[in-house]
Amino acid sequence: MNLDYVAVLLTLAVAAVVPGLFLGVSYFFSPRRATPVKGEAFECGNPSSGSAWQRFDVKFYLPAILFIVFDVEVVFMYPWAVMFRRLGLFGIVEMAVFIAVLTLGLVYVWRKGALEWD
């Protein structure tokens, strides 16, 4: 077996054991008494009100979607950082173009008022 993969296998083993351990401990030590309050619908600490099918304004979703988009784009910077020395000047120019496109997108969204909260 190649020793390069030992760290990956160890990480996968820990990632499998730790959640299983937490779930097992919480299963054995958590209270199981059903009460009427536990059976009620619960939304962010407030009692539910209105229909579950009512429409929400897009202003509630837009910042979340924008955060996810820019967060996913930042994930693309990690492989670049790992290969930074090998890529040399070409890698720096490519990342500068990538960041410029992200910055233009952010400026566009900002100027459109998508980040304003009324």
PDB file of N, CA and C in Angstrom:
ATOM      1  N   MET A   1       0.839  -1.179   0.000  1.00  0.00           N
ATOM      2  CA  MET A   1       0.000   0.000   0.000  1.00  0.00           C
ATOM      3  C   MET A   1       0.883   1.240   0.000  1.00  0.00           C
ATOM      4  N   ASN A   2       0.468   2.213  -0.761  1.00  0.00           N
ATOM      5  CA  ASN A   2       1.241   3.438  -0.886  1.00  0.00           C
ATOM      6  C   ASN A   2       1.080   4.280   0.380  1.00  0.00           C
ATOM      7  N   LEU A   3       2.162   4.753   0.940  1.00  0.00           N
ATOM      8  CA  LEU A   3       2.120   5.532   2.174  1.00  0.00           C
ATOM      9  C   LEU A   3       1.580   6.945   1.962  1.00  0.00           C
ATOM     10  N   ASP A   4       1.441   7.373   0.708  1.00  0.00           N
ATOM     11  CA  ASP A   4       0.901   8.708   0.447  1.00  0.00           C
ATOM     12  C   ASP A   4      -0.559   8.813   0.852  1.00  0.00           C
ATOM     13  N   TYR A   5      -1.263   7.709   0.869  1.00  0.00           N
ATOM     14  CA  TYR A   5      -2.699   7.725   1.147  1.00  0.00           C
ATOM     15  C   TYR A   5      -3.041   7.439   2.612  1.00  0.00           C
ATOM     16  N   VAL A   6      -2.048   7.222   3.453  1.00  0.00           N
ATOM     17  CA  VAL A   6      -2.307   6.917   4.859  1.00  0.00           C
ATOM     18  C   VAL A   6      -3.009   8.095   5.540  1.00  0.00           C
ATOM     19  N   ALA A   7      -2.574   9.305   5.248  1.00  0.00           N
ATOM     20  CA  ALA A   7      -3.188  10.492   5.860  1.00  0.00           C
ATOM     21  C   ALA A   7      -4.639  10.639   5.414  1.00  0.00           C
ATOM     22  N   VAL A   8      -4.908  10.345   4.153  1.00  0.00           N
ATOM     23  CA  VAL A   8      -6.277  10.438   3.643  1.00  0.00           C
ATOM     24  C   VAL A   8      -7.158   9.383   4.308  1.00  0.00           C
ATOM     25  N   LEU A   9      -6.658   8.171   4.416  1.00  0.00           N
ATOM     26  CA  LEU A   9      -7.427   7.107   5.059  1.00  0.00           C
ATOM     27  C   LEU A   9      -7.650   7.398   6.544  1.00  0.00           C
ATOM     28  N   LEU A  10      -6.646   7.955   7.211  1.00  0.00           N
ATOM     29  CA  LEU A  10      -6.797   8.314   8.614  1.00  0.00           C
ATOM     30  C   LEU A  10      -7.848   9.417   8.774  1.00  0.00           C
ATOM     31  N   THR A  11      -7.855  10.388   7.886  1.00  0.00           N
ATOM     32  CA  THR A  11      -8.858  11.456   7.922  1.00  0.00           C
ATOM     33  C   THR A  11     -10.250  10.902   7.702  1.00  0.00           C
ATOM     34  N   LEU A  12     -10.402  10.006   6.741  1.00  0.00           N
ATOM     35  CA  LEU A  12     -11.708   9.388   6.491  1.00  0.00           C
ATOM     36  C   LEU A  12     -12.171   8.556   7.685  1.00  0.00           C
ATOM     37  N   ALA A  13     -11.254   7.874   8.325  1.00  0.00           N
ATOM     38  CA  ALA A  13     -11.623   7.077   9.498  1.00  0.00           C
ATOM     39  C   ALA A  13     -12.092   7.981  10.638  1.00  0.00           C
ATOM     40  N   VAL A  14     -11.377   9.052  10.883  1.00  0.00           N
ATOM     41  CA  VAL A  14     -11.785   9.990  11.936  1.00  0.00           C
ATOM     42  C   VAL A  14     -13.120  10.635  11.576  1.00  0.00           C
ATOM     43  N   ALA A  15     -13.308  10.979  10.292  1.00  0.00           N
ATOM     44  CA  ALA A  15     -14.556  11.594   9.846  1.00  0.00           C
ATOM     45  C   ALA A  15     -15.729  10.635   9.979  1.00  0.00           C
ATOM     46  N   ALA A  16     -15.497   9.357   9.981  1.00  0.00           N
ATOM     47  CA  ALA A  16     -16.577   8.381  10.156  1.00  0.00           C
ATOM     48  C   ALA A  16     -16.825   8.061  11.628  1.00  0.00           C
ATOM     49  N   VAL A  17     -15.763   8.000  12.412  1.00  0.00           N
ATOM     50  CA  VAL A  17     -15.897   7.597  13.814  1.00  0.00           C
ATOM     51  C   VAL A  17     -16.452   8.719  14.691  1.00  0.00           C
ATOM     52  N   VAL A  18     -15.983   9.937  14.513  1.00  0.00           N
ATOM     53  CA  VAL A  18     -16.389  11.039  15.393  1.00  0.00           C
ATOM     54  C   VAL A  18     -17.893  11.310  15.325  1.00  0.00           C
ATOM     55  N   PRO A  19     -18.501  11.467  14.137  1.00  0.00           N
ATOM     56  CA  PRO A  19     -19.960  11.669  14.131  1.00  0.00           C
ATOM     57  C   PRO A  19     -20.725  10.475  14.698  1.00  0.00           C
ATOM     58  N   GLY A  20     -20.261   9.278  14.414  1.00  0.00           N
ATOM     59  CA  GLY A  20     -20.911   8.101  14.980  1.00  0.00           C
ATOM     60  C   GLY A  20     -20.828   8.078  16.491  1.00  0.00           C
ATOM     61  N   LEU A  21     -19.684   8.472  17.019  1.00  0.00           N
ATOM     62  CA  LEU A  21     -19.513   8.546  18.462  1.00  0.00           C
ATOM     63  C   LEU A  21     -20.439   9.598  19.072  1.00  0.00           C
ATOM     64  N   PHE A  22     -20.513  10.767  18.457  1.00  0.00           N
ATOM     65  CA  PHE A  22     -21.390  11.830  18.961  1.00  0.00           C
ATOM     66  C   PHE A  22     -22.854  11.401  18.910  1.00  0.00           C
ATOM     67  N   LEU A  23     -23.273  10.772  17.826  1.00  0.00           N
ATOM     68  CA  LEU A  23     -24.660  10.318  17.722  1.00  0.00           C
ATOM     69  C   LEU A  23     -24.962   9.241  18.756  1.00  0.00           C
ATOM     70  N   GLY A  24     -24.030   8.331  18.963  1.00  0.00           N
ATOM     71  CA  GLY A  24     -24.234   7.268  19.947  1.00  0.00           C
ATOM     72  C   GLY A  24     -24.329   7.808  21.360  1.00  0.00           C
ATOM     73  N   VAL A  25     -23.452   8.731  21.723  1.00  0.00           N
ATOM     74  CA  VAL A  25     -23.484   9.313  23.065  1.00  0.00           C
ATOM     75  C   VAL A  25     -24.777  10.097  23.264  1.00  0.00           C
ATOM     76  N   SER A  26     -25.193  10.878  22.276  1.00  0.00           N
ATOM     77  CA  SER A  26     -26.428  11.645  22.436  1.00  0.00           C
ATOM     78  C   SER A  26     -27.647  10.737  22.483  1.00  0.00           C
ATOM     79  N   TYR A  27     -27.591   9.610  21.801  1.00  0.00           N
ATOM     80  CA  TYR A  27     -28.716   8.668  21.843  1.00  0.00           C
ATOM     81  C   TYR A  27     -28.886   8.079  23.242  1.00  0.00           C
ATOM     82  N   PHE A  28     -27.787   7.735  23.877  1.00  0.00           N
ATOM     83  CA  PHE A  28     -27.863   7.102  25.189  1.00  0.00           C
ATOM     84  C   PHE A  28     -28.134   8.084  26.331  1.00  0.00           C
ATOM     85  N   PHE A  29     -27.726   9.333  26.197  1.00  0.00           N
ATOM     86  CA  PHE A  29     -27.848  10.281  27.298  1.00  0.00           C
ATOM     87  C   PHE A  29     -28.937  11.333  27.118  1.00  0.00           C
ATOM     88  N   SER A  30     -29.627  11.348  25.998  1.00  0.00           N
ATOM     89  CA  SER A  30     -30.652  12.378  25.791  1.00  0.00           C
ATOM     90  C   SER A  30     -31.983  11.952  26.395  1.00  0.00           C
ATOM     91  N   PRO A  31     -32.750  12.925  26.931  1.00  0.00           N
ATOM     92  CA  PRO A  31     -34.077  12.591  27.469  1.00  0.00           C
ATOM     93  C   PRO A  31     -35.050  12.297  26.339  1.00  0.00           C
ATOM     94  N   ARG A  32     -36.009  11.400  26.602  1.00  0.00           N
ATOM     95  CA  ARG A  32     -36.954  10.995  25.566  1.00  0.00           C
ATOM     96  C   ARG A  32     -38.403  11.241  25.986  1.00  0.00           C
ATOM     97  N   ARG A  33     -38.651  12.233  26.784  1.00  0.00           N
ATOM     98  CA  ARG A  33     -40.020  12.517  27.209  1.00  0.00           C
ATOM     99  C   ARG A  33     -40.718  13.378  26.169  1.00  0.00           C
ATOM    100  N   ALA A  34     -41.816  12.887  25.626  1.00  0.00           N
ATOM    101  CA  ALA A  34     -42.595  13.663  24.664  1.00  0.00           C
ATOM    102  C   ALA A  34     -43.526  14.601  25.414  1.00  0.00           C
ATOM    103  N   THR A  35     -43.521  15.869  25.023  1.00  0.00           N
ATOM    104  CA  THR A  35     -44.407  16.855  25.630  1.00  0.00           C
ATOM    105  C   THR A  35     -45.162  17.571  24.516  1.00  0.00           C
ATOM    106  N   PRO A  36     -46.279  18.201  24.827  1.00  0.00           N
ATOM    107  CA  PRO A  36     -47.008  18.949  23.785  1.00  0.00           C
ATOM    108  C   PRO A  36     -46.185  20.067  23.160  1.00  0.00           C
ATOM    109  N   VAL A  37     -45.310  20.681  23.939  1.00  0.00           N
ATOM    110  CA  VAL A  37     -44.484  21.761  23.404  1.00  0.00           C
ATOM    111  C   VAL A  37     -43.506  21.220  22.356  1.00  0.00           C
ATOM    112  N   LYS A  38     -42.962  20.029  22.593  1.00  0.00           N
ATOM    113  CA  LYS A  38     -42.033  19.441  21.628  1.00  0.00           C
ATOM    114  C   LYS A  38     -42.730  19.082  20.321  1.00  0.00           C
ATOM    115  N   GLY A  39     -44.028  18.822  20.379  1.00  0.00           N
ATOM    116  CA  GLY A  39     -44.764  18.445  19.180  1.00  0.00           C
ATOM    117  C   GLY A  39     -45.190  19.614  18.315  1.00  0.00           C
ATOM    118  N   GLU A  40     -45.053  20.850  18.810  1.00  0.00           N
ATOM    119  CA  GLU A  40     -45.460  22.021  18.037  1.00  0.00           C
ATOM    120  C   GLU A  40     -44.447  22.355  16.950  1.00  0.00           C
ATOM    121  N   ALA A  41     -44.958  23.022  15.907  1.00  0.00           N
ATOM    122  CA  ALA A  41     -44.064  23.505  14.847  1.00  0.00           C
ATOM    123  C   ALA A  41     -43.186  24.616  15.420  1.00  0.00           C
ATOM    124  N   PHE A  42     -41.967  24.707  14.969  1.00  0.00           N
ATOM    125  CA  PHE A  42     -41.002  25.633  15.527  1.00  0.00           C
ATOM    126  C   PHE A  42     -40.246  26.312  14.403  1.00  0.00           C
ATOM    127  N   GLU A  43     -40.240  27.640  14.395  1.00  0.00           N
ATOM    128  CA  GLU A  43     -39.534  28.380  13.356  1.00  0.00           C
ATOM    129  C   GLU A  43     -38.688  29.480  13.988  1.00  0.00           C
ATOM    130  N   CYS A  44     -37.437  29.277  14.084  1.00  0.00           N
ATOM    131  CA  CYS A  44     -36.484  30.290  14.536  1.00  0.00           C
ATOM    132  C   CYS A  44     -36.821  30.872  15.901  1.00  0.00           C
ATOM    133  N   GLY A  45     -37.340  30.085  16.797  1.00  0.00           N
ATOM    134  CA  GLY A  45     -37.639  30.559  18.129  1.00  0.00           C
ATOM    135  C   GLY A  45     -38.991  31.232  18.260  1.00  0.00           C
ATOM    136  N   ASN A  46     -39.722  31.341  17.175  1.00  0.00           N
ATOM    137  CA  ASN A  46     -41.034  31.976  17.205  1.00  0.00           C
ATOM    138  C   ASN A  46     -42.113  30.949  16.898  1.00  0.00           C
ATOM    139  N   PRO A  47     -43.284  31.118  17.481  1.00  0.00           N
ATOM    140  CA  PRO A  47     -44.384  30.226  17.097  1.00  0.00           C
ATOM    141  C   PRO A  47     -44.720  30.426  15.619  1.00  0.00           C
ATOM    142  N   SER A  48     -45.070  29.376  14.947  1.00  0.00           N
ATOM    143  CA  SER A  48     -45.362  29.499  13.524  1.00  0.00           C
ATOM    144  C   SER A  48     -46.637  30.320  13.340  1.00  0.00           C
ATOM    145  N   SER A  49     -46.670  31.067  12.277  1.00  0.00           N
ATOM    146  CA  SER A  49     -47.842  31.889  11.976  1.00  0.00           C
ATOM    147  C   SER A  49     -48.064  31.880  10.471  1.00  0.00           C
ATOM    148  N   GLY A  50     -49.301  31.782  10.058  1.00  0.00           N
ATOM    149  CA  GLY A  50     -49.616  31.817   8.640  1.00  0.00           C
ATOM    150  C   GLY A  50     -49.418  30.473   7.969  1.00  0.00           C
ATOM    151  N   SER A  51     -49.641  30.493   6.698  1.00  0.00           N
ATOM    152  CA  SER A  51     -49.524  29.282   5.890  1.00  0.00           C
ATOM    153  C   SER A  51     -48.068  28.987   5.565  1.00  0.00           C
ATOM    154  N   ALA A  52     -47.766  27.734   5.442  1.00  0.00           N
ATOM    155  CA  ALA A  52     -46.413  27.354   5.045  1.00  0.00           C
ATOM    156  C   ALA A  52     -46.174  27.606   3.563  1.00  0.00           C
ATOM    157  N   TRP A  53     -47.222  27.913   2.815  1.00  0.00           N
ATOM    158  CA  TRP A  53     -47.111  28.098   1.370  1.00  0.00           C
ATOM    159  C   TRP A  53     -47.072  29.562   0.966  1.00  0.00           C
ATOM    160  N   GLN A  54     -47.003  30.482   1.921  1.00  0.00           N
ATOM    161  CA  GLN A  54     -46.976  31.891   1.550  1.00  0.00           C
ATOM    162  C   GLN A  54     -45.643  32.225   0.894  1.00  0.00           C
ATOM    163  N   ARG A  55     -45.667  33.221   0.032  1.00  0.00           N
ATOM    164  CA  ARG A  55     -44.455  33.601  -0.695  1.00  0.00           C
ATOM    165  C   ARG A  55     -43.617  34.566   0.131  1.00  0.00           C
ATOM    166  N   PHE A  56     -42.313  34.452   0.002  1.00  0.00           N
ATOM    167  CA  PHE A  56     -41.394  35.355   0.665  1.00  0.00           C
ATOM    168  C   PHE A  56     -40.778  36.280  -0.373  1.00  0.00           C
ATOM    169  N   ASP A  57     -40.428  37.463   0.070  1.00  0.00           N
ATOM    170  CA  ASP A  57     -39.776  38.413  -0.809  1.00  0.00           C
ATOM    171  C   ASP A  57     -38.379  37.903  -1.153  1.00  0.00           C
ATOM    172  N   VAL A  58     -37.925  38.216  -2.362  1.00  0.00           N
ATOM    173  CA  VAL A  58     -36.625  37.729  -2.819  1.00  0.00           C
ATOM    174  C   VAL A  58     -35.486  38.343  -2.010  1.00  0.00           C
ATOM    175  N   LYS A  59     -35.731  39.470  -1.333  1.00  0.00           N
ATOM    176  CA  LYS A  59     -34.660  40.095  -0.559  1.00  0.00           C
ATOM    177  C   LYS A  59     -34.146  39.208   0.565  1.00  0.00           C
ATOM    178  N   PHE A  60     -34.923  38.217   0.967  1.00  0.00           N
ATOM    179  CA  PHE A  60     -34.463  37.293   1.995  1.00  0.00           C
ATOM    180  C   PHE A  60     -33.498  36.253   1.428  1.00  0.00           C
ATOM    181  N   TYR A  61     -33.628  35.937   0.177  1.00  0.00           N
ATOM    182  CA  TYR A  61     -32.815  34.885  -0.439  1.00  0.00           C
ATOM    183  C   TYR A  61     -31.580  35.421  -1.151  1.00  0.00           C
ATOM    184  N   LEU A  62     -31.665  36.628  -1.667  1.00  0.00           N
ATOM    185  CA  LEU A  62     -30.578  37.159  -2.482  1.00  0.00           C
ATOM    186  C   LEU A  62     -29.243  37.239  -1.748  1.00  0.00           C
ATOM    187  N   PRO A  63     -29.165  37.779  -0.529  1.00  0.00           N
ATOM    188  CA  PRO A  63     -27.859  37.787   0.148  1.00  0.00           C
ATOM    189  C   PRO A  63     -27.316  36.377   0.401  1.00  0.00           C
ATOM    190  N   ALA A  64     -28.200  35.441   0.707  1.00  0.00           N
ATOM    191  CA  ALA A  64     -27.740  34.064   0.950  1.00  0.00           C
ATOM    192  C   ALA A  64     -27.180  33.451  -0.333  1.00  0.00           C
ATOM    193  N   ILE A  65     -27.877  33.659  -1.431  1.00  0.00           N
ATOM    194  CA  ILE A  65     -27.410  33.103  -2.711  1.00  0.00           C
ATOM    195  C   ILE A  65     -26.088  33.744  -3.116  1.00  0.00           C
ATOM    196  N   LEU A  66     -25.976  35.062  -2.944  1.00  0.00           N
ATOM    197  CA  LEU A  66     -24.727  35.746  -3.283  1.00  0.00           C
ATOM    198  C   LEU A  66     -23.583  35.255  -2.404  1.00  0.00           C
ATOM    199  N   PHE A  67     -23.852  35.039  -1.120  1.00  0.00           N
ATOM    200  CA  PHE A  67     -22.813  34.514  -0.238  1.00  0.00           C
ATOM    201  C   PHE A  67     -22.338  33.148  -0.730  1.00  0.00           C
ATOM    202  N   ILE A  68     -23.270  32.295  -1.087  1.00  0.00           N
ATOM    203  CA  ILE A  68     -22.900  30.954  -1.553  1.00  0.00           C
ATOM    204  C   ILE A  68     -22.079  31.036  -2.830  1.00  0.00           C
ATOM    205  N   VAL A  69     -22.493  31.890  -3.758  1.00  0.00           N
ATOM    206  CA  VAL A  69     -21.756  32.021  -5.023  1.00  0.00           C
ATOM    207  C   VAL A  69     -20.321  32.471  -4.760  1.00  0.00           C
ATOM    208  N   PHE A  70     -20.148  33.528  -3.975  1.00  0.00           N
ATOM    209  CA  PHE A  70     -18.792  34.016  -3.724  1.00  0.00           C
ATOM    210  C   PHE A  70     -17.994  33.060  -2.840  1.00  0.00           C
ATOM    211  N   ASP A  71     -18.652  32.339  -1.964  1.00  0.00           N
ATOM    212  CA  ASP A  71     -17.974  31.365  -1.134  1.00  0.00           C
ATOM    213  C   ASP A  71     -17.443  30.207  -1.974  1.00  0.00           C
ATOM    214  N   VAL A  72     -18.246  29.759  -2.907  1.00  0.00           N
ATOM    215  CA  VAL A  72     -17.808  28.674  -3.796  1.00  0.00           C
ATOM    216  C   VAL A  72     -16.652  29.140  -4.675  1.00  0.00           C
ATOM    217  N   GLU A  73     -16.708  30.382  -5.097  1.00  0.00           N
ATOM    218  CA  GLU A  73     -15.606  30.900  -5.914  1.00  0.00           C
ATOM    219  C   GLU A  73     -14.304  30.948  -5.122  1.00  0.00           C
ATOM    220  N   VAL A  74     -14.384  31.256  -3.845  1.00  0.00           N
ATOM    221  CA  VAL A  74     -13.176  31.306  -3.017  1.00  0.00           C
ATOM    222  C   VAL A  74     -12.566  29.916  -2.876  1.00  0.00           C
ATOM    223  N   VAL A  75     -13.386  28.882  -2.921  1.00  0.00           N
ATOM    224  CA  VAL A  75     -12.868  27.513  -2.827  1.00  0.00           C
ATOM    225  C   VAL A  75     -11.899  27.225  -3.972  1.00  0.00           C
ATOM    226  N   PHE A  76     -12.111  27.863  -5.123  1.00  0.00           N
ATOM    227  CA  PHE A  76     -11.206  27.657  -6.255  1.00  0.00           C
ATOM    228  C   PHE A  76      -9.822  28.253  -6.007  1.00  0.00           C
ATOM    229  N   MET A  77      -9.692  29.089  -5.002  1.00  0.00           N
ATOM    230  CA  MET A  77      -8.381  29.685  -4.711  1.00  0.00           C
ATOM    231  C   MET A  77      -7.469  28.744  -3.931  1.00  0.00           C
ATOM    232  N   TYR A  78      -8.027  27.770  -3.236  1.00  0.00           N
ATOM    233  CA  TYR A  78      -7.197  26.854  -2.443  1.00  0.00           C
ATOM    234  C   TYR A  78      -6.260  25.991  -3.302  1.00  0.00           C
ATOM    235  N   PRO A  79      -6.749  25.365  -4.378  1.00  0.00           N
ATOM    236  CA  PRO A  79      -5.802  24.609  -5.207  1.00  0.00           C
ATOM    237  C   PRO A  79      -4.726  25.501  -5.812  1.00  0.00           C
ATOM    238  N   TRP A  80      -5.111  26.714  -6.148  1.00  0.00           N
ATOM    239  CA  TRP A  80      -4.125  27.647  -6.688  1.00  0.00           C
ATOM    240  C   TRP A  80      -3.054  27.949  -5.642  1.00  0.00           C
ATOM    241  N   ALA A  81      -3.464  28.137  -4.383  1.00  0.00           N
ATOM    242  CA  ALA A  81      -2.496  28.433  -3.335  1.00  0.00           C
ATOM    243  C   ALA A  81      -1.550  27.256  -3.105  1.00  0.00           C
ATOM    244  N   VAL A  82      -2.072  26.043  -3.255  1.00  0.00           N
ATOM    245  CA  VAL A  82      -1.225  24.854  -3.071  1.00  0.00           C
ATOM    246  C   VAL A  82      -0.191  24.759  -4.190  1.00  0.00           C
ATOM    247  N   MET A  83      -0.599  25.091  -5.416  1.00  0.00           N
ATOM    248  CA  MET A  83       0.290  24.983  -6.572  1.00  0.00           C
ATOM    249  C   MET A  83       0.963  26.305  -6.928  1.00  0.00           C
ATOM    250  N   PHE A  84       0.945  27.255  -6.016  1.00  0.00           N
ATOM    251  CA  PHE A  84       1.396  28.609  -6.301  1.00  0.00           C
ATOM    252  C   PHE A  84       2.812  28.654  -6.879  1.00  0.00           C
ATOM    253  N   ARG A  85       3.742  27.983  -6.256  1.00  0.00           N
ATOM    254  CA  ARG A  85       5.144  28.055  -6.710  1.00  0.00           C
ATOM    255  C   ARG A  85       5.341  27.393  -8.075  1.00  0.00           C
ATOM    256  N   ARG A  86       4.657  26.312  -8.333  1.00  0.00           N
ATOM    257  CA  ARG A  86       4.800  25.627  -9.623  1.00  0.00           C
ATOM    258  C   ARG A  86       4.203  26.417 -10.777  1.00  0.00           C
ATOM    259  N   LEU A  87       3.128  27.150 -10.505  1.00  0.00           N
ATOM    260  CA  LEU A  87       2.446  27.875 -11.571  1.00  0.00           C
ATOM    261  C   LEU A  87       3.193  29.122 -12.012  1.00  0.00           C
ATOM    262  N   GLY A  88       3.943  29.709 -11.127  1.00  0.00           N
ATOM    263  CA  GLY A  88       4.771  30.861 -11.468  1.00  0.00           C
ATOM    264  C   GLY A  88       3.957  32.067 -11.904  1.00  0.00           C
ATOM    265  N   LEU A  89       4.501  32.813 -12.856  1.00  0.00           N
ATOM    266  CA  LEU A  89       3.871  34.037 -13.334  1.00  0.00           C
ATOM    267  C   LEU A  89       2.524  33.752 -13.993  1.00  0.00           C
ATOM    268  N   PHE A  90       2.433  32.649 -14.724  1.00  0.00           N
ATOM    269  CA  PHE A  90       1.166  32.280 -15.364  1.00  0.00           C
ATOM    270  C   PHE A  90       0.049  32.133 -14.331  1.00  0.00           C
ATOM    271  N   GLY A  91       0.342  31.483 -13.221  1.00  0.00           N
ATOM    272  CA  GLY A  91      -0.651  31.292 -12.160  1.00  0.00           C
ATOM    273  C   GLY A  91      -1.067  32.607 -11.525  1.00  0.00           C
ATOM    274  N   ILE A  92      -0.106  33.523 -11.352  1.00  0.00           N
ATOM    275  CA  ILE A  92      -0.432  34.819 -10.762  1.00  0.00           C
ATOM    276  C   ILE A  92      -1.348  35.604 -11.697  1.00  0.00           C
ATOM    277  N   VAL A  93      -1.048  35.596 -12.976  1.00  0.00           N
ATOM    278  CA  VAL A  93      -1.882  36.323 -13.952  1.00  0.00           C
ATOM    279  C   VAL A  93      -3.278  35.715 -14.013  1.00  0.00           C
ATOM    280  N   GLU A  94      -3.359  34.397 -14.049  1.00  0.00           N
ATOM    281  CA  GLU A  94      -4.670  33.748 -14.090  1.00  0.00           C
ATOM    282  C   GLU A  94      -5.496  34.065 -12.851  1.00  0.00           C
ATOM    283  N   MET A  95      -4.870  34.051 -11.665  1.00  0.00           N
ATOM    284  CA  MET A  95      -5.607  34.356 -10.445  1.00  0.00           C
ATOM    285  C   MET A  95      -5.981  35.829 -10.403  1.00  0.00           C
ATOM    286  N   ALA A  96      -5.140  36.697 -10.943  1.00  0.00           N
ATOM    287  CA  ALA A  96      -5.483  38.123 -10.995  1.00  0.00           C
ATOM    288  C   ALA A  96      -6.714  38.337 -11.877  1.00  0.00           C
ATOM    289  N   VAL A  97      -6.793  37.629 -12.996  1.00  0.00           N
ATOM    290  CA  VAL A  97      -7.971  37.726 -13.866  1.00  0.00           C
ATOM    291  C   VAL A  97      -9.196  37.181 -13.143  1.00  0.00           C
ATOM    292  N   PHE A  98      -9.045  36.068 -12.465  1.00  0.00           N
ATOM    293  CA  PHE A  98     -10.149  35.458 -11.722  1.00  0.00           C
ATOM    294  C   PHE A  98     -10.671  36.408 -10.646  1.00  0.00           C
ATOM    295  N   ILE A  99      -9.771  36.992  -9.865  1.00  0.00           N
ATOM    296  CA  ILE A  99     -10.169  37.921  -8.813  1.00  0.00           C
ATOM    297  C   ILE A  99     -10.777  39.191  -9.415  1.00  0.00           C
ATOM    298  N   ALA A 100     -10.264  39.630 -10.562  1.00  0.00           N
ATOM    299  CA  ALA A 100     -10.845  40.806 -11.220  1.00  0.00           C
ATOM    300  C   ALA A 100     -12.291  40.534 -11.639  1.00  0.00           C
ATOM    301  N   VAL A 101     -12.561  39.350 -12.177  1.00  0.00           N
ATOM    302  CA  VAL A 101     -13.931  39.001 -12.563  1.00  0.00           C
ATOM    303  C   VAL A 101     -14.830  38.939 -11.332  1.00  0.00           C
ATOM    304  N   LEU A 102     -14.338  38.348 -10.252  1.00  0.00           N
ATOM    305  CA  LEU A 102     -15.112  38.323  -9.004  1.00  0.00           C
ATOM    306  C   LEU A 102     -15.373  39.725  -8.476  1.00  0.00           C
ATOM    307  N   THR A 103     -14.376  40.576  -8.535  1.00  0.00           N
ATOM    308  CA  THR A 103     -14.539  41.950  -8.062  1.00  0.00           C
ATOM    309  C   THR A 103     -15.549  42.703  -8.911  1.00  0.00           C
ATOM    310  N   LEU A 104     -15.503  42.522 -10.218  1.00  0.00           N
ATOM    311  CA  LEU A 104     -16.490  43.161 -11.098  1.00  0.00           C
ATOM    312  C   LEU A 104     -17.898  42.669 -10.777  1.00  0.00           C
ATOM    313  N   GLY A 105     -18.026  41.382 -10.524  1.00  0.00           N
ATOM    314  CA  GLY A 105     -19.334  40.837 -10.151  1.00  0.00           C
ATOM    315  C   GLY A 105     -19.830  41.424  -8.848  1.00  0.00           C
ATOM    316  N   LEU A 106     -18.943  41.564  -7.871  1.00  0.00           N
ATOM    317  CA  LEU A 106     -19.326  42.142  -6.591  1.00  0.00           C
ATOM    318  C   LEU A 106     -19.718  43.614  -6.746  1.00  0.00           C
ATOM    319  N   VAL A 107     -18.958  44.372  -7.539  1.00  0.00           N
ATOM    320  CA  VAL A 107     -19.289  45.780  -7.769  1.00  0.00           C
ATOM    321  C   VAL A 107     -20.634  45.898  -8.462  1.00  0.00           C
ATOM    322  N   TYR A 108     -20.889  45.042  -9.443  1.00  0.00           N
ATOM    323  CA  TYR A 108     -22.179  45.054 -10.152  1.00  0.00           C
ATOM    324  C   TYR A 108     -23.337  44.787  -9.193  1.00  0.00           C
ATOM    325  N   VAL A 109     -23.198  43.771  -8.366  1.00  0.00           N
ATOM    326  CA  VAL A 109     -24.256  43.412  -7.418  1.00  0.00           C
ATOM    327  C   VAL A 109     -24.452  44.540  -6.406  1.00  0.00           C
ATOM    328  N   TRP A 110     -23.359  45.134  -5.969  1.00  0.00           N
ATOM    329  CA  TRP A 110     -23.436  46.219  -5.001  1.00  0.00           C
ATOM    330  C   TRP A 110     -24.150  47.429  -5.594  1.00  0.00           C
ATOM    331  N   ARG A 111     -23.791  47.778  -6.847  1.00  0.00           N
ATOM    332  CA  ARG A 111     -24.404  48.948  -7.489  1.00  0.00           C
ATOM    333  C   ARG A 111     -25.878  48.712  -7.818  1.00  0.00           C
ATOM    334  N   LYS A 112     -26.263  47.470  -8.038  1.00  0.00           N
ATOM    335  CA  LYS A 112     -27.666  47.148  -8.289  1.00  0.00           C
ATOM    336  C   LYS A 112     -28.491  47.215  -7.007  1.00  0.00           C
ATOM    337  N   GLY A 113     -27.834  47.276  -5.845  1.00  0.00           N
ATOM    338  CA  GLY A 113     -28.526  47.371  -4.580  1.00  0.00           C
ATOM    339  C   GLY A 113     -28.912  46.032  -3.983  1.00  0.00           C
ATOM    340  N   ALA A 114     -28.311  44.952  -4.474  1.00  0.00           N
ATOM    341  CA  ALA A 114     -28.676  43.617  -3.978  1.00  0.00           C
ATOM    342  C   ALA A 114     -28.171  43.386  -2.553  1.00  0.00           C
ATOM    343  N   LEU A 115     -27.212  44.166  -2.110  1.00  0.00           N
ATOM    344  CA  LEU A 115     -26.677  43.981  -0.769  1.00  0.00           C
ATOM    345  C   LEU A 115     -27.323  44.913   0.250  1.00  0.00           C
ATOM    346  N   GLU A 116     -28.253  45.754  -0.189  1.00  0.00           N
ATOM    347  CA  GLU A 116     -28.941  46.674   0.710  1.00  0.00           C
ATOM    348  C   GLU A 116     -30.058  45.920   1.442  1.00  0.00           C
ATOM    349  N   TRP A 117     -30.191  46.195   2.714  1.00  0.00           N
ATOM    350  CA  TRP A 117     -31.238  45.549   3.515  1.00  0.00           C
ATOM    351  C   TRP A 117     -32.156  46.633   4.056  1.00  0.00           C
ATOM    352  N   ASP A 118     -33.402  46.609   3.617  1.00  0.00           N
ATOM    353  CA  ASP A 118     -34.360  47.642   4.022  1.00  0.00           C
ATOM    354  C   ASP A 118     -35.157  47.217   5.213  1.00  0.00           C
TER     355      ASP A 118
END
